[in-house]
Every structure is written in C-alpha cells, then in structure tokens.
Amino acid sequence: YTIVNHFFVDGAVHICQTMGVCDARRYTCEECVEGLEWVEGYLEDPIMVAEYVVYLQQNFCTSDMHHCHDTVAAHFPAMHDMAMEKFFIPTEICNQEPVCTGEDPPTKPPQ
C-alpha cells in the first residue's frame, strides 16, 4: 500500500509524463493493454525497484527495527517481482474493463 500510494497515487503525473499521455481521453482495448504494459515496465525497472526499497527504508523502518533496512533490501525486490508476475498481467486486467468487454461503462461508482 505504501509504495502504491506514494508512487502511483501521489506520483501518477510522473508515470503519465514518462509515457507522454497525461491527457484524459477515451481509449481502446489495445491502448489499455499497451498502457499497462508501459506501467509494467516502469514498475519493473531496476532503478524504480531501487527507489521503492529506499522509500520503504526511509519511511517504514524505524531506529528500533534493527534489521529492517537490510531485510527490506534483501527481500523486497524478489517479493515485488513475484507479485508483478502473478498479479500485474495487462491483458487480464484490461479484459475486465468495459472497453474490452464491450459493456457500457458505469455512469457512476458502485454504491
């Protein structure tokens, strides 16, 4: 949650700027997949993974957590890779969206 909130909720502009598509617009199913493949590459970039490690070390580890910095550095990258491989599958994610299913998009959030 901490990584997603910091880098993707608060940092969403950086992601769209690197892709060059910050304008809100309608998109096709193919563009959904292409966009998420871009985000996947961003998430898996070794420089970004190193950034996630540093962020966790600086914002999660406390002085009384004696092995926290080393543990985060040793285990977070592999855990992140495993989670990405299992859960971040652009085609599967997009295939649940109205643009790919052919359904009408919701006009308001579910209540």
N, C-alpha and C. Protein backbone atom coordinates (compact mmCIF):
# COMPACT_ATOMS: atom_id res chain seq x y z
N TYR A 1 0.82 -1.18 0.00
CA TYR A 1 0.00 0.00 0.00
C TYR A 1 0.87 1.25 0.00
N THR A 2 1.90 1.29 0.81
CA THR A 2 2.76 2.46 0.91
C THR A 2 3.39 2.80 -0.43
N ILE A 3 3.89 1.80 -1.13
CA ILE A 3 4.53 2.03 -2.43
C ILE A 3 3.50 2.54 -3.43
N VAL A 4 2.35 1.89 -3.51
CA VAL A 4 1.32 2.29 -4.46
C VAL A 4 0.86 3.71 -4.17
N ASN A 5 0.60 4.01 -2.91
CA ASN A 5 0.12 5.34 -2.56
C ASN A 5 1.14 6.42 -2.92
N HIS A 6 2.39 6.20 -2.58
CA HIS A 6 3.41 7.22 -2.84
C HIS A 6 3.74 7.36 -4.33
N PHE A 7 4.02 6.25 -5.00
CA PHE A 7 4.50 6.31 -6.37
C PHE A 7 3.38 6.37 -7.41
N PHE A 8 2.18 5.88 -7.09
CA PHE A 8 1.14 5.79 -8.11
C PHE A 8 -0.08 6.65 -7.84
N VAL A 9 -0.39 6.93 -6.62
CA VAL A 9 -1.47 7.87 -6.35
C VAL A 9 -0.88 9.28 -6.36
N ASP A 10 0.11 9.50 -5.50
CA ASP A 10 0.74 10.81 -5.45
C ASP A 10 1.64 11.08 -6.65
N GLY A 11 2.23 10.02 -7.23
CA GLY A 11 3.19 10.19 -8.31
C GLY A 11 2.66 9.85 -9.69
N ALA A 12 1.35 9.81 -9.86
CA ALA A 12 0.77 9.41 -11.14
C ALA A 12 1.21 10.31 -12.28
N VAL A 13 1.41 11.58 -12.01
CA VAL A 13 1.80 12.51 -13.07
C VAL A 13 3.16 12.10 -13.65
N HIS A 14 4.08 11.64 -12.82
CA HIS A 14 5.39 11.24 -13.32
C HIS A 14 5.26 10.08 -14.30
N ILE A 15 4.40 9.13 -14.00
CA ILE A 15 4.21 7.97 -14.88
C ILE A 15 3.64 8.41 -16.21
N CYS A 16 2.59 9.22 -16.19
CA CYS A 16 2.00 9.63 -17.47
C CYS A 16 2.95 10.53 -18.24
N GLN A 17 3.75 11.34 -17.54
CA GLN A 17 4.73 12.18 -18.23
C GLN A 17 5.78 11.34 -18.93
N THR A 18 6.24 10.28 -18.29
CA THR A 18 7.26 9.44 -18.93
C THR A 18 6.70 8.73 -20.16
N MET A 19 5.39 8.47 -20.15
CA MET A 19 4.76 7.84 -21.30
C MET A 19 4.30 8.86 -22.34
N GLY A 20 4.15 10.11 -21.90
CA GLY A 20 3.72 11.16 -22.81
C GLY A 20 2.23 11.19 -23.09
N VAL A 21 1.43 10.69 -22.16
CA VAL A 21 -0.01 10.65 -22.37
C VAL A 21 -0.77 11.04 -21.10
N CYS A 22 -0.62 12.28 -20.69
CA CYS A 22 -1.31 12.73 -19.48
C CYS A 22 -2.71 13.26 -19.76
N ASP A 23 -3.09 13.37 -21.02
CA ASP A 23 -4.42 13.87 -21.33
C ASP A 23 -5.47 12.78 -21.10
N ALA A 24 -6.56 13.18 -20.45
CA ALA A 24 -7.66 12.24 -20.23
C ALA A 24 -8.45 12.11 -21.53
N ARG A 25 -8.66 10.89 -21.97
CA ARG A 25 -9.39 10.66 -23.22
C ARG A 25 -9.91 9.24 -23.23
N ARG A 26 -10.80 8.96 -24.17
CA ARG A 26 -11.26 7.59 -24.35
C ARG A 26 -10.12 6.78 -24.97
N TYR A 27 -10.09 5.51 -24.68
CA TYR A 27 -9.04 4.65 -25.21
C TYR A 27 -9.64 3.32 -25.64
N THR A 28 -8.90 2.62 -26.49
CA THR A 28 -9.35 1.32 -26.99
C THR A 28 -8.82 0.23 -26.07
N CYS A 29 -9.30 -0.98 -26.31
CA CYS A 29 -8.82 -2.14 -25.56
C CYS A 29 -7.31 -2.32 -25.80
N GLU A 30 -6.91 -2.18 -27.04
CA GLU A 30 -5.49 -2.32 -27.38
C GLU A 30 -4.65 -1.26 -26.66
N GLU A 31 -5.16 -0.05 -26.58
CA GLU A 31 -4.43 1.01 -25.87
C GLU A 31 -4.38 0.76 -24.37
N CYS A 32 -5.42 0.13 -23.83
CA CYS A 32 -5.41 -0.25 -22.41
C CYS A 32 -4.25 -1.20 -22.14
N VAL A 33 -4.14 -2.22 -22.97
CA VAL A 33 -3.06 -3.21 -22.80
C VAL A 33 -1.71 -2.54 -22.98
N GLU A 34 -1.56 -1.74 -24.04
CA GLU A 34 -0.29 -1.05 -24.29
C GLU A 34 0.08 -0.14 -23.12
N GLY A 35 -0.91 0.57 -22.58
CA GLY A 35 -0.65 1.46 -21.45
C GLY A 35 -0.20 0.71 -20.22
N LEU A 36 -0.88 -0.41 -19.93
CA LEU A 36 -0.49 -1.19 -18.75
C LEU A 36 0.84 -1.90 -18.97
N GLU A 37 1.17 -2.23 -20.21
CA GLU A 37 2.49 -2.80 -20.47
C GLU A 37 3.57 -1.75 -20.19
N TRP A 38 3.27 -0.49 -20.50
CA TRP A 38 4.21 0.60 -20.19
C TRP A 38 4.38 0.71 -18.67
N VAL A 39 3.26 0.72 -17.96
CA VAL A 39 3.30 0.81 -16.50
C VAL A 39 4.04 -0.39 -15.92
N GLU A 40 3.83 -1.56 -16.48
CA GLU A 40 4.54 -2.76 -16.02
C GLU A 40 6.04 -2.58 -16.16
N GLY A 41 6.49 -2.07 -17.30
CA GLY A 41 7.91 -1.82 -17.49
C GLY A 41 8.44 -0.81 -16.49
N TYR A 42 7.64 0.21 -16.22
CA TYR A 42 8.01 1.24 -15.23
C TYR A 42 8.15 0.60 -13.85
N LEU A 43 7.17 -0.22 -13.48
CA LEU A 43 7.19 -0.87 -12.17
C LEU A 43 8.34 -1.84 -12.01
N GLU A 44 8.76 -2.46 -13.11
CA GLU A 44 9.81 -3.48 -13.04
C GLU A 44 11.20 -2.92 -13.33
N ASP A 45 11.29 -1.66 -13.69
CA ASP A 45 12.59 -1.06 -13.98
C ASP A 45 13.48 -1.15 -12.73
N PRO A 46 14.69 -1.65 -12.87
CA PRO A 46 15.57 -1.80 -11.70
C PRO A 46 15.80 -0.50 -10.93
N ILE A 47 15.82 0.62 -11.63
CA ILE A 47 16.00 1.90 -10.93
C ILE A 47 14.78 2.20 -10.06
N MET A 48 13.59 1.91 -10.57
CA MET A 48 12.39 2.14 -9.78
C MET A 48 12.31 1.17 -8.60
N VAL A 49 12.67 -0.08 -8.81
CA VAL A 49 12.66 -1.04 -7.70
C VAL A 49 13.62 -0.57 -6.61
N ALA A 50 14.78 -0.05 -7.00
CA ALA A 50 15.72 0.50 -6.02
C ALA A 50 15.09 1.70 -5.30
N GLU A 51 14.33 2.52 -6.02
CA GLU A 51 13.63 3.65 -5.39
C GLU A 51 12.61 3.16 -4.37
N TYR A 52 11.89 2.09 -4.69
CA TYR A 52 10.90 1.54 -3.76
C TYR A 52 11.59 1.07 -2.48
N VAL A 53 12.74 0.41 -2.64
CA VAL A 53 13.49 -0.07 -1.47
C VAL A 53 13.90 1.11 -0.59
N VAL A 54 14.48 2.14 -1.19
CA VAL A 54 14.91 3.31 -0.42
C VAL A 54 13.72 3.97 0.27
N TYR A 55 12.62 4.09 -0.46
CA TYR A 55 11.43 4.71 0.13
C TYR A 55 10.96 3.93 1.35
N LEU A 56 10.90 2.60 1.23
CA LEU A 56 10.48 1.79 2.38
C LEU A 56 11.46 1.92 3.53
N GLN A 57 12.75 1.90 3.24
CA GLN A 57 13.74 2.04 4.29
C GLN A 57 13.61 3.37 5.02
N GLN A 58 13.36 4.43 4.28
CA GLN A 58 13.30 5.77 4.88
C GLN A 58 11.95 6.07 5.54
N ASN A 59 10.88 5.41 5.10
CA ASN A 59 9.56 5.76 5.59
C ASN A 59 8.85 4.68 6.38
N PHE A 60 9.44 3.49 6.43
CA PHE A 60 8.82 2.39 7.17
C PHE A 60 9.71 1.93 8.32
N CYS A 61 11.00 1.77 8.05
CA CYS A 61 11.93 1.29 9.08
C CYS A 61 12.13 2.36 10.15
N THR A 62 12.16 1.93 11.39
CA THR A 62 12.42 2.85 12.50
C THR A 62 13.72 2.43 13.18
N SER A 63 14.23 3.29 14.04
CA SER A 63 15.51 3.01 14.69
C SER A 63 15.47 1.77 15.58
N ASP A 64 14.30 1.39 16.07
CA ASP A 64 14.21 0.19 16.91
C ASP A 64 14.00 -1.09 16.10
N MET A 65 13.92 -0.97 14.79
CA MET A 65 13.80 -2.14 13.90
C MET A 65 15.20 -2.45 13.39
N HIS A 66 15.94 -3.22 14.14
CA HIS A 66 17.37 -3.37 13.96
C HIS A 66 17.81 -3.90 12.60
N HIS A 67 17.07 -4.78 12.01
CA HIS A 67 17.49 -5.37 10.73
C HIS A 67 16.59 -4.94 9.57
N CYS A 68 15.78 -3.94 9.80
CA CYS A 68 14.77 -3.56 8.81
C CYS A 68 15.39 -3.14 7.47
N HIS A 69 16.38 -2.26 7.50
CA HIS A 69 16.97 -1.77 6.24
C HIS A 69 17.54 -2.93 5.42
N ASP A 70 18.28 -3.80 6.08
CA ASP A 70 18.87 -4.93 5.37
C ASP A 70 17.80 -5.92 4.89
N THR A 71 16.78 -6.13 5.71
CA THR A 71 15.73 -7.07 5.34
C THR A 71 14.94 -6.55 4.14
N VAL A 72 14.61 -5.27 4.15
CA VAL A 72 13.90 -4.68 3.01
C VAL A 72 14.74 -4.82 1.75
N ALA A 73 16.02 -4.47 1.84
CA ALA A 73 16.90 -4.55 0.67
C ALA A 73 17.05 -5.99 0.18
N ALA A 74 17.07 -6.95 1.10
CA ALA A 74 17.26 -8.35 0.71
C ALA A 74 16.00 -8.99 0.15
N HIS A 75 14.84 -8.61 0.65
CA HIS A 75 13.63 -9.35 0.31
C HIS A 75 12.61 -8.61 -0.55
N PHE A 76 12.58 -7.28 -0.47
CA PHE A 76 11.54 -6.57 -1.23
C PHE A 76 11.66 -6.79 -2.74
N PRO A 77 12.84 -6.68 -3.37
CA PRO A 77 12.88 -6.83 -4.83
C PRO A 77 12.33 -8.18 -5.32
N ALA A 78 12.66 -9.26 -4.67
CA ALA A 78 12.16 -10.57 -5.09
C ALA A 78 10.65 -10.68 -4.85
N MET A 79 10.17 -10.14 -3.72
CA MET A 79 8.75 -10.16 -3.44
C MET A 79 7.99 -9.33 -4.49
N HIS A 80 8.55 -8.19 -4.83
CA HIS A 80 7.94 -7.32 -5.84
C HIS A 80 7.88 -8.04 -7.19
N ASP A 81 8.97 -8.68 -7.58
CA ASP A 81 8.99 -9.42 -8.85
C ASP A 81 7.92 -10.52 -8.86
N MET A 82 7.81 -11.23 -7.75
CA MET A 82 6.83 -12.31 -7.66
C MET A 82 5.41 -11.76 -7.76
N ALA A 83 5.13 -10.68 -7.06
CA ALA A 83 3.79 -10.08 -7.10
C ALA A 83 3.47 -9.56 -8.49
N MET A 84 4.44 -8.94 -9.15
CA MET A 84 4.22 -8.44 -10.51
C MET A 84 3.91 -9.58 -11.46
N GLU A 85 4.67 -10.66 -11.36
CA GLU A 85 4.47 -11.80 -12.26
C GLU A 85 3.10 -12.44 -12.06
N LYS A 86 2.65 -12.51 -10.83
CA LYS A 86 1.39 -13.18 -10.51
C LYS A 86 0.16 -12.30 -10.75
N PHE A 87 0.28 -11.00 -10.44
CA PHE A 87 -0.91 -10.16 -10.42
C PHE A 87 -0.96 -9.04 -11.46
N PHE A 88 0.17 -8.61 -11.99
CA PHE A 88 0.14 -7.50 -12.95
C PHE A 88 0.26 -8.06 -14.36
N ILE A 89 -0.88 -8.48 -14.88
CA ILE A 89 -0.95 -9.07 -16.22
C ILE A 89 -1.86 -8.16 -17.05
N PRO A 90 -1.26 -7.25 -17.83
CA PRO A 90 -2.05 -6.23 -18.53
C PRO A 90 -3.26 -6.75 -19.28
N THR A 91 -3.11 -7.82 -20.04
CA THR A 91 -4.25 -8.33 -20.82
C THR A 91 -5.38 -8.78 -19.90
N GLU A 92 -5.05 -9.47 -18.83
CA GLU A 92 -6.09 -9.93 -17.90
C GLU A 92 -6.78 -8.76 -17.20
N ILE A 93 -6.01 -7.75 -16.84
CA ILE A 93 -6.59 -6.57 -16.18
C ILE A 93 -7.53 -5.85 -17.15
N CYS A 94 -7.05 -5.58 -18.36
CA CYS A 94 -7.86 -4.85 -19.33
C CYS A 94 -9.09 -5.65 -19.76
N ASN A 95 -8.98 -6.97 -19.83
CA ASN A 95 -10.11 -7.80 -20.25
C ASN A 95 -11.28 -7.74 -19.27
N GLN A 96 -11.08 -7.13 -18.12
CA GLN A 96 -12.16 -6.94 -17.15
C GLN A 96 -12.80 -5.56 -17.30
N GLU A 97 -12.25 -4.71 -18.16
CA GLU A 97 -12.73 -3.34 -18.33
C GLU A 97 -13.76 -3.26 -19.46
N PRO A 98 -14.76 -2.38 -19.32
CA PRO A 98 -15.79 -2.25 -20.36
C PRO A 98 -15.23 -2.02 -21.76
N VAL A 99 -14.13 -1.32 -21.87
CA VAL A 99 -13.56 -1.05 -23.20
C VAL A 99 -13.17 -2.35 -23.90
N CYS A 100 -12.89 -3.39 -23.15
CA CYS A 100 -12.51 -4.68 -23.73
C CYS A 100 -13.66 -5.70 -23.72
N THR A 101 -14.58 -5.54 -22.78
CA THR A 101 -15.69 -6.49 -22.69
C THR A 101 -16.85 -6.12 -23.61
N GLY A 102 -16.88 -4.86 -24.04
CA GLY A 102 -17.98 -4.40 -24.87
C GLY A 102 -19.17 -3.91 -24.08
N GLU A 103 -19.10 -3.98 -22.77
CA GLU A 103 -20.18 -3.49 -21.91
C GLU A 103 -20.15 -1.97 -21.87
N ASP A 104 -21.26 -1.37 -21.52
CA ASP A 104 -21.29 0.06 -21.31
C ASP A 104 -20.56 0.38 -20.02
N PRO A 105 -19.72 1.41 -20.02
CA PRO A 105 -19.04 1.76 -18.76
C PRO A 105 -20.04 2.28 -17.74
N PRO A 106 -19.76 2.11 -16.46
CA PRO A 106 -20.68 2.61 -15.44
C PRO A 106 -20.75 4.13 -15.50
N THR A 107 -21.91 4.67 -15.20
CA THR A 107 -22.06 6.12 -15.21
C THR A 107 -21.75 6.73 -13.86
N LYS A 108 -21.69 5.90 -12.84
CA LYS A 108 -21.30 6.37 -11.51
C LYS A 108 -20.70 5.19 -10.75
N PRO A 109 -19.91 5.47 -9.73
CA PRO A 109 -19.30 4.38 -8.96
C PRO A 109 -20.33 3.51 -8.28
N PRO A 110 -20.04 2.21 -8.10
CA PRO A 110 -20.96 1.32 -7.38
C PRO A 110 -21.15 1.83 -5.94
N GLN A 111 -22.31 1.58 -5.41
CA GLN A 111 -22.61 2.08 -4.06
C GLN A 111 -22.80 0.95 -3.10
